[in-house]
Amino acid sequence: MFIEPNLTGGRRGWIEVICGSMFSGKTEELIRRLKRVKFANLKVEIFKPVLDTRYDEEHIVSHDTNAILSTPVDNSQKILLLGQDADVIGIDEAQFFDPELPDVCDRLAYQGIRVIVAGLDMDFTGKPFGQMPFMLAKADYITKLHAICVRCGNIANYSYRKIPDNEQIMLGATDAYEPRCRKCYFDKV
């Protein structure tokens, strides 16, 4: 079902995507932006995938423990239903969502809602991850963040998995992953 875009009037929506490797500050940046719009008294709804329980079941939590309350959802259609009255919607760990997420974000933006999405652009094998390539294609604004390579100190845009597990989705932090630059990632030392 196509919804006519809200291209007239005062409120226009758009999609912002924050991407990068693990430990690049994606969630920290998402939280920063969402706190700013809350300070401006805009109505904010925040969502994360129900499977992301690393630090907290209901909060989005950055690796440095900055947090903001969110609603865990098991599919992106629930974001569409629960976010109808929001001025701004935040979505963390977008790579874990179902294939409907890009269309859901489009529909919300057409309704005049600012949508801010954060997620890994590549998985641990260096391949595009989940719905992130589609979100990047639909984004009005893209912020690519970089970590620091733990091997050499250069900018890092790869998430190196330190433990042997070939499943694409494996939750973890510094126990399982480390940021690496292109050279150190491919050297696999």
N, C-alpha and C. Protein backbone atom coordinates (compact mmCIF):
# COMPACT_ATOMS: atom_id res chain seq x y z
N MET A 1 0.84 -1.18 0.00
CA MET A 1 0.00 0.00 0.00
C MET A 1 0.88 1.24 0.00
N PHE A 2 0.72 2.10 -0.97
CA PHE A 2 1.52 3.31 -1.08
C PHE A 2 0.84 4.45 -0.35
N ILE A 3 1.59 5.20 0.42
CA ILE A 3 1.08 6.36 1.12
C ILE A 3 1.65 7.59 0.44
N GLU A 4 0.80 8.55 0.15
CA GLU A 4 1.24 9.80 -0.47
C GLU A 4 2.23 10.51 0.44
N PRO A 5 3.36 10.94 -0.10
CA PRO A 5 4.33 11.65 0.71
C PRO A 5 3.78 12.99 1.20
N ASN A 6 4.19 13.39 2.40
CA ASN A 6 3.84 14.70 2.94
C ASN A 6 4.89 15.68 2.44
N LEU A 7 4.70 16.19 1.23
CA LEU A 7 5.67 17.09 0.63
C LEU A 7 5.23 18.55 0.69
N THR A 8 4.05 18.79 1.23
CA THR A 8 3.58 20.16 1.41
C THR A 8 3.40 20.38 2.90
N GLY A 9 3.26 21.58 3.28
CA GLY A 9 3.08 21.85 4.71
C GLY A 9 4.42 21.96 5.40
N GLY A 10 4.36 22.08 6.73
CA GLY A 10 5.56 22.35 7.50
C GLY A 10 6.40 21.16 7.89
N ARG A 11 5.79 19.98 8.03
CA ARG A 11 6.54 18.85 8.57
C ARG A 11 6.88 17.86 7.47
N ARG A 12 8.15 17.71 7.19
CA ARG A 12 8.60 16.74 6.19
C ARG A 12 9.52 15.74 6.86
N GLY A 13 9.35 14.47 6.52
CA GLY A 13 10.18 13.43 7.11
C GLY A 13 11.39 13.12 6.26
N TRP A 14 12.33 12.44 6.88
CA TRP A 14 13.51 11.97 6.17
C TRP A 14 14.11 10.80 6.92
N ILE A 15 15.09 10.16 6.29
CA ILE A 15 15.76 9.00 6.87
C ILE A 15 17.25 9.33 7.02
N GLU A 16 17.76 9.14 8.24
CA GLU A 16 19.18 9.28 8.53
C GLU A 16 19.71 7.90 8.88
N VAL A 17 20.87 7.55 8.34
CA VAL A 17 21.49 6.26 8.66
C VAL A 17 22.88 6.52 9.24
N ILE A 18 23.12 5.90 10.39
CA ILE A 18 24.42 5.93 11.05
C ILE A 18 24.99 4.52 10.91
N CYS A 19 26.14 4.39 10.26
CA CYS A 19 26.70 3.05 10.03
C CYS A 19 28.18 3.04 10.34
N GLY A 20 28.73 1.83 10.37
CA GLY A 20 30.15 1.64 10.62
C GLY A 20 30.38 0.28 11.24
N SER A 21 31.61 0.06 11.68
CA SER A 21 31.98 -1.22 12.29
C SER A 21 31.59 -1.22 13.76
N MET A 22 31.81 -2.35 14.39
CA MET A 22 31.63 -2.42 15.84
C MET A 22 32.64 -1.47 16.49
N PHE A 23 32.23 -0.88 17.60
CA PHE A 23 33.06 0.02 18.41
C PHE A 23 33.37 1.35 17.71
N SER A 24 32.55 1.71 16.70
CA SER A 24 32.76 2.99 16.01
C SER A 24 31.91 4.10 16.61
N GLY A 25 31.00 3.79 17.51
CA GLY A 25 30.19 4.82 18.16
C GLY A 25 28.81 5.02 17.54
N LYS A 26 28.31 4.03 16.80
CA LYS A 26 27.00 4.16 16.14
C LYS A 26 25.88 4.37 17.15
N THR A 27 25.83 3.51 18.16
CA THR A 27 24.76 3.61 19.15
C THR A 27 24.93 4.88 19.97
N GLU A 28 26.15 5.24 20.29
CA GLU A 28 26.42 6.47 21.02
C GLU A 28 25.89 7.68 20.24
N GLU A 29 26.12 7.70 18.93
CA GLU A 29 25.65 8.80 18.09
C GLU A 29 24.12 8.80 18.00
N LEU A 30 23.53 7.62 17.89
CA LEU A 30 22.06 7.52 17.86
C LEU A 30 21.48 8.08 19.16
N ILE A 31 22.02 7.66 20.29
CA ILE A 31 21.54 8.15 21.59
C ILE A 31 21.71 9.66 21.69
N ARG A 32 22.84 10.18 21.23
CA ARG A 32 23.09 11.63 21.27
C ARG A 32 22.02 12.38 20.50
N ARG A 33 21.73 11.93 19.28
CA ARG A 33 20.72 12.61 18.46
C ARG A 33 19.33 12.51 19.09
N LEU A 34 19.01 11.35 19.64
CA LEU A 34 17.68 11.18 20.23
C LEU A 34 17.51 12.02 21.49
N LYS A 35 18.55 12.16 22.29
CA LYS A 35 18.47 13.00 23.48
C LYS A 35 18.29 14.46 23.10
N ARG A 36 18.90 14.89 22.02
CA ARG A 36 18.74 16.27 21.56
C ARG A 36 17.31 16.56 21.16
N VAL A 37 16.68 15.64 20.44
CA VAL A 37 15.29 15.89 20.02
C VAL A 37 14.33 15.79 21.21
N LYS A 38 14.65 14.95 22.18
CA LYS A 38 13.83 14.90 23.41
C LYS A 38 13.93 16.23 24.15
N PHE A 39 15.13 16.80 24.19
CA PHE A 39 15.33 18.09 24.85
C PHE A 39 14.50 19.17 24.16
N ALA A 40 14.27 19.03 22.87
CA ALA A 40 13.47 20.00 22.10
C ALA A 40 11.97 19.72 22.24
N ASN A 41 11.60 18.81 23.14
CA ASN A 41 10.21 18.45 23.41
C ASN A 41 9.49 17.84 22.22
N LEU A 42 10.24 17.15 21.35
CA LEU A 42 9.61 16.40 20.27
C LEU A 42 9.26 15.01 20.79
N LYS A 43 8.20 14.43 20.23
CA LYS A 43 7.79 13.09 20.65
C LYS A 43 8.69 12.07 19.95
N VAL A 44 9.37 11.27 20.77
CA VAL A 44 10.36 10.31 20.26
C VAL A 44 9.93 8.90 20.62
N GLU A 45 10.02 8.00 19.66
CA GLU A 45 9.83 6.56 19.89
C GLU A 45 11.12 5.87 19.46
N ILE A 46 11.59 4.94 20.30
CA ILE A 46 12.87 4.29 20.05
C ILE A 46 12.67 2.78 20.04
N PHE A 47 13.26 2.11 19.04
CA PHE A 47 13.07 0.67 18.88
C PHE A 47 14.40 -0.03 18.70
N LYS A 48 14.42 -1.30 19.13
CA LYS A 48 15.56 -2.17 18.89
C LYS A 48 15.02 -3.58 18.66
N PRO A 49 15.79 -4.44 18.00
CA PRO A 49 15.33 -5.81 17.79
C PRO A 49 15.27 -6.57 19.10
N VAL A 50 14.26 -7.39 19.26
CA VAL A 50 14.06 -8.12 20.50
C VAL A 50 15.24 -9.06 20.81
N LEU A 51 15.98 -9.47 19.81
CA LEU A 51 17.09 -10.40 20.05
C LEU A 51 18.31 -9.71 20.64
N ASP A 52 18.37 -8.38 20.63
CA ASP A 52 19.52 -7.67 21.17
C ASP A 52 19.36 -7.47 22.67
N THR A 53 19.88 -8.42 23.44
CA THR A 53 19.78 -8.38 24.90
C THR A 53 21.16 -8.29 25.54
N ARG A 54 22.17 -7.83 24.79
CA ARG A 54 23.54 -7.83 25.31
C ARG A 54 23.69 -7.09 26.62
N TYR A 55 23.24 -5.86 26.70
CA TYR A 55 23.45 -5.05 27.90
C TYR A 55 22.17 -4.87 28.70
N ASP A 56 21.02 -4.87 28.01
CA ASP A 56 19.75 -4.60 28.68
C ASP A 56 18.62 -5.04 27.75
N GLU A 57 17.53 -5.50 28.33
CA GLU A 57 16.42 -5.97 27.50
C GLU A 57 15.58 -4.84 26.94
N GLU A 58 15.52 -3.68 27.62
CA GLU A 58 14.65 -2.60 27.17
C GLU A 58 15.38 -1.33 26.78
N HIS A 59 16.62 -1.19 27.13
CA HIS A 59 17.37 0.01 26.78
C HIS A 59 18.31 -0.25 25.62
N ILE A 60 18.51 0.77 24.83
CA ILE A 60 19.62 0.77 23.88
C ILE A 60 20.82 1.21 24.70
N VAL A 61 21.89 0.44 24.66
CA VAL A 61 23.05 0.73 25.49
C VAL A 61 24.30 0.70 24.60
N SER A 62 25.09 1.78 24.67
CA SER A 62 26.34 1.81 23.91
C SER A 62 27.40 1.02 24.67
N HIS A 63 28.51 0.74 24.01
CA HIS A 63 29.59 -0.02 24.65
C HIS A 63 30.17 0.71 25.86
N ASP A 64 30.03 2.04 25.91
CA ASP A 64 30.51 2.77 27.08
C ASP A 64 29.38 3.03 28.09
N THR A 65 28.31 2.26 27.97
CA THR A 65 27.17 2.20 28.90
C THR A 65 26.25 3.42 28.91
N ASN A 66 26.33 4.28 27.90
CA ASN A 66 25.32 5.33 27.75
C ASN A 66 24.04 4.63 27.31
N ALA A 67 22.88 5.03 27.84
CA ALA A 67 21.66 4.27 27.56
C ALA A 67 20.46 5.19 27.37
N ILE A 68 19.45 4.64 26.66
CA ILE A 68 18.17 5.32 26.49
C ILE A 68 17.10 4.24 26.36
N LEU A 69 15.95 4.48 26.96
CA LEU A 69 14.87 3.50 26.96
C LEU A 69 14.34 3.27 25.55
N SER A 70 14.07 2.02 25.22
CA SER A 70 13.55 1.67 23.89
C SER A 70 12.48 0.61 24.02
N THR A 71 11.83 0.33 22.91
CA THR A 71 10.84 -0.74 22.84
C THR A 71 11.41 -1.86 21.98
N PRO A 72 11.65 -3.04 22.55
CA PRO A 72 12.10 -4.18 21.74
C PRO A 72 10.94 -4.69 20.88
N VAL A 73 11.21 -4.91 19.59
CA VAL A 73 10.18 -5.42 18.68
C VAL A 73 10.73 -6.61 17.90
N ASP A 74 9.84 -7.52 17.53
CA ASP A 74 10.28 -8.71 16.80
C ASP A 74 10.13 -8.57 15.29
N ASN A 75 9.50 -7.47 14.81
CA ASN A 75 9.45 -7.21 13.38
C ASN A 75 9.20 -5.72 13.14
N SER A 76 9.58 -5.28 11.95
CA SER A 76 9.54 -3.86 11.65
C SER A 76 8.13 -3.31 11.51
N GLN A 77 7.15 -4.15 11.21
CA GLN A 77 5.76 -3.67 11.11
C GLN A 77 5.29 -3.09 12.44
N LYS A 78 5.80 -3.59 13.54
CA LYS A 78 5.43 -3.05 14.85
C LYS A 78 5.93 -1.62 15.02
N ILE A 79 7.05 -1.30 14.39
CA ILE A 79 7.55 0.08 14.42
C ILE A 79 6.55 0.99 13.74
N LEU A 80 6.04 0.54 12.62
CA LEU A 80 5.04 1.31 11.87
C LEU A 80 3.79 1.55 12.73
N LEU A 81 3.35 0.54 13.43
CA LEU A 81 2.15 0.66 14.27
C LEU A 81 2.39 1.51 15.51
N LEU A 82 3.52 1.29 16.19
CA LEU A 82 3.78 1.97 17.45
C LEU A 82 4.35 3.38 17.29
N GLY A 83 4.83 3.71 16.10
CA GLY A 83 5.49 5.00 15.90
C GLY A 83 4.67 6.04 15.17
N GLN A 84 3.40 5.79 14.96
CA GLN A 84 2.56 6.68 14.16
C GLN A 84 2.49 8.12 14.69
N ASP A 85 2.51 8.30 16.00
CA ASP A 85 2.33 9.64 16.58
C ASP A 85 3.65 10.33 16.89
N ALA A 86 4.76 9.73 16.52
CA ALA A 86 6.07 10.28 16.86
C ALA A 86 6.49 11.38 15.89
N ASP A 87 7.32 12.28 16.38
CA ASP A 87 7.99 13.25 15.52
C ASP A 87 9.29 12.65 15.00
N VAL A 88 9.93 11.84 15.86
CA VAL A 88 11.22 11.23 15.53
C VAL A 88 11.19 9.78 15.99
N ILE A 89 11.70 8.90 15.14
CA ILE A 89 11.82 7.49 15.48
C ILE A 89 13.28 7.09 15.39
N GLY A 90 13.79 6.43 16.43
CA GLY A 90 15.14 5.90 16.44
C GLY A 90 15.10 4.38 16.38
N ILE A 91 15.99 3.81 15.58
CA ILE A 91 16.05 2.36 15.43
C ILE A 91 17.51 1.95 15.54
N ASP A 92 17.82 1.06 16.50
CA ASP A 92 19.19 0.58 16.66
C ASP A 92 19.31 -0.84 16.14
N GLU A 93 20.53 -1.22 15.78
CA GLU A 93 20.85 -2.57 15.29
C GLU A 93 19.96 -2.96 14.11
N ALA A 94 19.86 -2.06 13.15
CA ALA A 94 18.99 -2.26 11.99
C ALA A 94 19.34 -3.50 11.18
N GLN A 95 20.58 -3.94 11.23
CA GLN A 95 20.99 -5.11 10.47
C GLN A 95 20.26 -6.37 10.90
N PHE A 96 19.70 -6.38 12.11
CA PHE A 96 19.00 -7.56 12.62
C PHE A 96 17.51 -7.60 12.26
N PHE A 97 17.00 -6.55 11.62
CA PHE A 97 15.57 -6.50 11.31
C PHE A 97 15.24 -7.25 10.03
N ASP A 98 13.96 -7.48 9.84
CA ASP A 98 13.43 -8.20 8.68
C ASP A 98 13.49 -7.35 7.41
N PRO A 99 13.25 -7.97 6.25
CA PRO A 99 13.35 -7.26 4.96
C PRO A 99 12.35 -6.11 4.77
N GLU A 100 11.36 -5.99 5.63
CA GLU A 100 10.38 -4.91 5.51
C GLU A 100 10.87 -3.58 6.07
N LEU A 101 11.98 -3.59 6.81
CA LEU A 101 12.44 -2.37 7.49
C LEU A 101 12.62 -1.18 6.54
N PRO A 102 13.27 -1.31 5.39
CA PRO A 102 13.42 -0.14 4.52
C PRO A 102 12.08 0.46 4.09
N ASP A 103 11.10 -0.37 3.77
CA ASP A 103 9.79 0.15 3.37
C ASP A 103 9.07 0.78 4.54
N VAL A 104 9.20 0.21 5.73
CA VAL A 104 8.60 0.80 6.93
C VAL A 104 9.19 2.19 7.16
N CYS A 105 10.50 2.33 7.06
CA CYS A 105 11.15 3.63 7.25
C CYS A 105 10.70 4.62 6.19
N ASP A 106 10.58 4.16 4.95
CA ASP A 106 10.07 5.01 3.87
C ASP A 106 8.68 5.54 4.20
N ARG A 107 7.80 4.66 4.62
CA ARG A 107 6.43 5.05 4.93
C ARG A 107 6.39 6.06 6.07
N LEU A 108 7.21 5.84 7.09
CA LEU A 108 7.26 6.79 8.20
C LEU A 108 7.75 8.16 7.73
N ALA A 109 8.80 8.17 6.91
CA ALA A 109 9.32 9.44 6.38
C ALA A 109 8.27 10.13 5.52
N TYR A 110 7.53 9.38 4.72
CA TYR A 110 6.45 9.96 3.90
C TYR A 110 5.38 10.60 4.76
N GLN A 111 5.21 10.10 5.98
CA GLN A 111 4.22 10.65 6.89
C GLN A 111 4.74 11.86 7.66
N GLY A 112 5.96 12.28 7.35
CA GLY A 112 6.52 13.46 7.99
C GLY A 112 7.35 13.19 9.23
N ILE A 113 7.77 11.95 9.42
CA ILE A 113 8.53 11.56 10.60
C ILE A 113 10.02 11.49 10.26
N ARG A 114 10.84 12.04 11.13
CA ARG A 114 12.30 11.90 11.01
C ARG A 114 12.67 10.53 11.56
N VAL A 115 13.35 9.72 10.75
CA VAL A 115 13.73 8.36 11.13
C VAL A 115 15.25 8.29 11.19
N ILE A 116 15.77 7.89 12.36
CA ILE A 116 17.22 7.77 12.55
C ILE A 116 17.53 6.29 12.81
N VAL A 117 18.32 5.70 11.93
CA VAL A 117 18.61 4.26 11.97
C VAL A 117 20.11 4.08 12.18
N ALA A 118 20.48 3.16 13.07
CA ALA A 118 21.90 2.84 13.28
C ALA A 118 22.11 1.34 13.10
N GLY A 119 23.24 0.98 12.49
CA GLY A 119 23.53 -0.44 12.34
C GLY A 119 24.88 -0.69 11.68
N LEU A 120 25.29 -1.94 11.77
CA LEU A 120 26.53 -2.39 11.13
C LEU A 120 26.33 -2.44 9.62
N ASP A 121 27.22 -1.83 8.88
CA ASP A 121 27.09 -1.91 7.42
C ASP A 121 27.68 -3.20 6.86
N MET A 122 28.62 -3.82 7.60
CA MET A 122 29.21 -5.09 7.17
C MET A 122 29.21 -6.09 8.31
N ASP A 123 29.10 -7.37 7.96
CA ASP A 123 29.21 -8.42 8.99
C ASP A 123 30.69 -8.75 9.20
N PHE A 124 30.96 -9.75 10.01
CA PHE A 124 32.35 -10.09 10.34
C PHE A 124 33.14 -10.64 9.15
N THR A 125 32.44 -11.04 8.06
CA THR A 125 33.14 -11.51 6.87
C THR A 125 33.43 -10.38 5.88
N GLY A 126 33.01 -9.16 6.21
CA GLY A 126 33.22 -8.02 5.33
C GLY A 126 32.17 -7.87 4.26
N LYS A 127 31.05 -8.56 4.40
CA LYS A 127 29.95 -8.48 3.43
C LYS A 127 28.84 -7.58 3.97
N PRO A 128 28.07 -6.92 3.07
CA PRO A 128 26.94 -6.09 3.52
C PRO A 128 26.03 -6.89 4.45
N PHE A 129 25.53 -6.23 5.48
CA PHE A 129 24.84 -6.92 6.56
C PHE A 129 23.34 -6.59 6.57
N GLY A 130 22.53 -7.63 6.42
CA GLY A 130 21.08 -7.51 6.58
C GLY A 130 20.46 -6.44 5.72
N GLN A 131 19.66 -5.61 6.33
CA GLN A 131 18.93 -4.56 5.61
C GLN A 131 19.72 -3.26 5.45
N MET A 132 20.93 -3.23 5.97
CA MET A 132 21.70 -1.98 5.93
C MET A 132 22.00 -1.47 4.52
N PRO A 133 22.33 -2.32 3.54
CA PRO A 133 22.55 -1.76 2.20
C PRO A 133 21.30 -1.08 1.64
N PHE A 134 20.14 -1.64 1.94
CA PHE A 134 18.87 -1.05 1.48
C PHE A 134 18.56 0.24 2.23
N MET A 135 18.89 0.27 3.51
CA MET A 135 18.70 1.49 4.28
C MET A 135 19.62 2.59 3.78
N LEU A 136 20.86 2.24 3.46
CA LEU A 136 21.79 3.24 2.93
C LEU A 136 21.30 3.79 1.60
N ALA A 137 20.71 2.93 0.78
CA ALA A 137 20.20 3.38 -0.52
C ALA A 137 19.02 4.35 -0.36
N LYS A 138 18.22 4.17 0.67
CA LYS A 138 17.03 5.00 0.87
C LYS A 138 17.31 6.24 1.72
N ALA A 139 18.47 6.31 2.34
CA ALA A 139 18.76 7.39 3.29
C ALA A 139 18.88 8.74 2.61
N ASP A 140 18.38 9.76 3.31
CA ASP A 140 18.59 11.14 2.90
C ASP A 140 19.93 11.65 3.41
N TYR A 141 20.35 11.14 4.57
CA TYR A 141 21.60 11.52 5.20
C TYR A 141 22.30 10.26 5.71
N ILE A 142 23.62 10.18 5.48
CA ILE A 142 24.40 9.03 5.92
C ILE A 142 25.60 9.52 6.73
N THR A 143 25.79 8.90 7.88
CA THR A 143 26.98 9.17 8.69
C THR A 143 27.73 7.85 8.83
N LYS A 144 28.94 7.81 8.27
CA LYS A 144 29.79 6.61 8.39
C LYS A 144 30.82 6.89 9.47
N LEU A 145 30.78 6.08 10.53
CA LEU A 145 31.71 6.24 11.64
C LEU A 145 32.78 5.17 11.58
N HIS A 146 33.93 5.47 12.15
CA HIS A 146 35.05 4.54 12.16
C HIS A 146 35.53 4.32 13.59
N ALA A 147 35.98 3.12 13.85
CA ALA A 147 36.63 2.80 15.11
C ALA A 147 38.13 3.01 14.91
N ILE A 148 38.91 2.60 15.90
CA ILE A 148 40.36 2.63 15.81
C ILE A 148 40.85 1.18 15.82
N CYS A 149 41.70 0.84 14.86
CA CYS A 149 42.22 -0.52 14.75
C CYS A 149 43.03 -0.87 16.00
N VAL A 150 42.68 -2.01 16.62
CA VAL A 150 43.39 -2.42 17.83
C VAL A 150 44.79 -2.95 17.54
N ARG A 151 45.10 -3.23 16.29
CA ARG A 151 46.42 -3.75 15.91
C ARG A 151 47.42 -2.65 15.59
N CYS A 152 46.96 -1.62 14.82
CA CYS A 152 47.93 -0.62 14.33
C CYS A 152 47.56 0.83 14.64
N GLY A 153 46.33 1.09 15.07
CA GLY A 153 45.94 2.45 15.41
C GLY A 153 45.36 3.27 14.28
N ASN A 154 45.28 2.72 13.07
CA ASN A 154 44.64 3.43 11.96
C ASN A 154 43.12 3.37 12.11
N ILE A 155 42.40 4.08 11.21
CA ILE A 155 40.95 4.00 11.28
C ILE A 155 40.51 2.58 10.91
N ALA A 156 39.49 2.11 11.60
CA ALA A 156 38.99 0.75 11.40
C ALA A 156 37.56 0.80 10.90
N ASN A 157 37.27 0.02 9.87
CA ASN A 157 35.89 -0.10 9.42
C ASN A 157 35.46 -1.55 9.26
N TYR A 158 36.23 -2.47 9.84
CA TYR A 158 35.89 -3.90 9.82
C TYR A 158 35.70 -4.40 11.25
N SER A 159 34.76 -5.32 11.41
CA SER A 159 34.51 -5.98 12.70
C SER A 159 35.11 -7.38 12.62
N TYR A 160 36.25 -7.57 13.25
CA TYR A 160 36.93 -8.85 13.21
C TYR A 160 36.41 -9.74 14.33
N ARG A 161 35.98 -10.95 13.99
CA ARG A 161 35.51 -11.90 15.00
C ARG A 161 36.69 -12.70 15.50
N LYS A 162 36.91 -12.69 16.81
CA LYS A 162 38.07 -13.33 17.43
C LYS A 162 37.85 -14.80 17.74
N ILE A 163 36.62 -15.25 17.75
CA ILE A 163 36.35 -16.64 18.11
C ILE A 163 35.77 -17.39 16.91
N PRO A 164 36.04 -18.68 16.81
CA PRO A 164 35.57 -19.45 15.65
C PRO A 164 34.07 -19.75 15.74
N ASP A 165 33.31 -19.06 14.92
CA ASP A 165 31.87 -19.28 14.80
C ASP A 165 31.46 -18.71 13.46
N ASN A 166 30.88 -19.51 12.59
CA ASN A 166 30.55 -19.05 11.24
C ASN A 166 29.14 -18.51 11.09
N GLU A 167 28.35 -18.49 12.17
CA GLU A 167 27.00 -17.92 12.09
C GLU A 167 27.11 -16.42 11.85
N GLN A 168 26.28 -15.89 10.95
CA GLN A 168 26.35 -14.46 10.68
C GLN A 168 25.97 -13.64 11.90
N ILE A 169 24.96 -14.05 12.62
CA ILE A 169 24.52 -13.31 13.79
C ILE A 169 25.04 -13.99 15.05
N MET A 170 25.91 -13.27 15.74
CA MET A 170 26.42 -13.73 17.02
C MET A 170 26.65 -12.47 17.86
N LEU A 171 25.83 -12.29 18.88
CA LEU A 171 25.96 -11.11 19.73
C LEU A 171 27.23 -11.20 20.53
N GLY A 172 27.86 -10.06 20.71
CA GLY A 172 29.08 -10.03 21.49
C GLY A 172 29.64 -8.63 21.56
N ALA A 173 30.67 -8.48 22.36
CA ALA A 173 31.35 -7.20 22.50
C ALA A 173 32.85 -7.46 22.36
N THR A 174 33.67 -6.86 23.21
CA THR A 174 35.12 -7.03 23.10
C THR A 174 35.55 -8.46 23.35
N ASP A 175 34.68 -9.27 23.95
CA ASP A 175 35.01 -10.68 24.15
C ASP A 175 35.06 -11.44 22.83
N ALA A 176 34.30 -11.00 21.84
CA ALA A 176 34.18 -11.74 20.59
C ALA A 176 34.63 -10.96 19.36
N TYR A 177 34.69 -9.64 19.45
CA TYR A 177 35.01 -8.81 18.27
C TYR A 177 36.04 -7.77 18.61
N GLU A 178 36.74 -7.31 17.56
CA GLU A 178 37.62 -6.17 17.70
C GLU A 178 37.62 -5.40 16.39
N PRO A 179 37.77 -4.07 16.47
CA PRO A 179 37.82 -3.27 15.24
C PRO A 179 39.19 -3.36 14.60
N ARG A 180 39.17 -3.49 13.26
CA ARG A 180 40.44 -3.55 12.53
C ARG A 180 40.35 -2.72 11.25
N CYS A 181 41.52 -2.20 10.85
CA CYS A 181 41.62 -1.51 9.57
C CYS A 181 41.62 -2.57 8.45
N ARG A 182 41.56 -2.10 7.23
CA ARG A 182 41.53 -3.01 6.08
C ARG A 182 42.73 -3.96 6.07
N LYS A 183 43.93 -3.42 6.24
CA LYS A 183 45.14 -4.25 6.18
C LYS A 183 45.16 -5.30 7.28
N CYS A 184 44.92 -4.87 8.52
CA CYS A 184 44.96 -5.82 9.64
C CYS A 184 43.82 -6.82 9.59
N TYR A 185 42.68 -6.42 9.06
CA TYR A 185 41.55 -7.35 8.92
C TYR A 185 41.92 -8.47 7.95
N PHE A 186 42.49 -8.10 6.81
CA PHE A 186 42.80 -9.11 5.80
C PHE A 186 44.07 -9.90 6.10
N ASP A 187 44.94 -9.35 6.95
CA ASP A 187 46.11 -10.12 7.39
C ASP A 187 45.70 -11.23 8.35
N LYS A 188 44.59 -11.05 9.09
CA LYS A 188 44.03 -12.03 10.03
C LYS A 188 45.06 -12.53 11.03
N VAL A 189 45.92 -11.66 11.45
CA VAL A 189 46.98 -12.01 12.42
C VAL A 189 46.41 -12.06 13.81
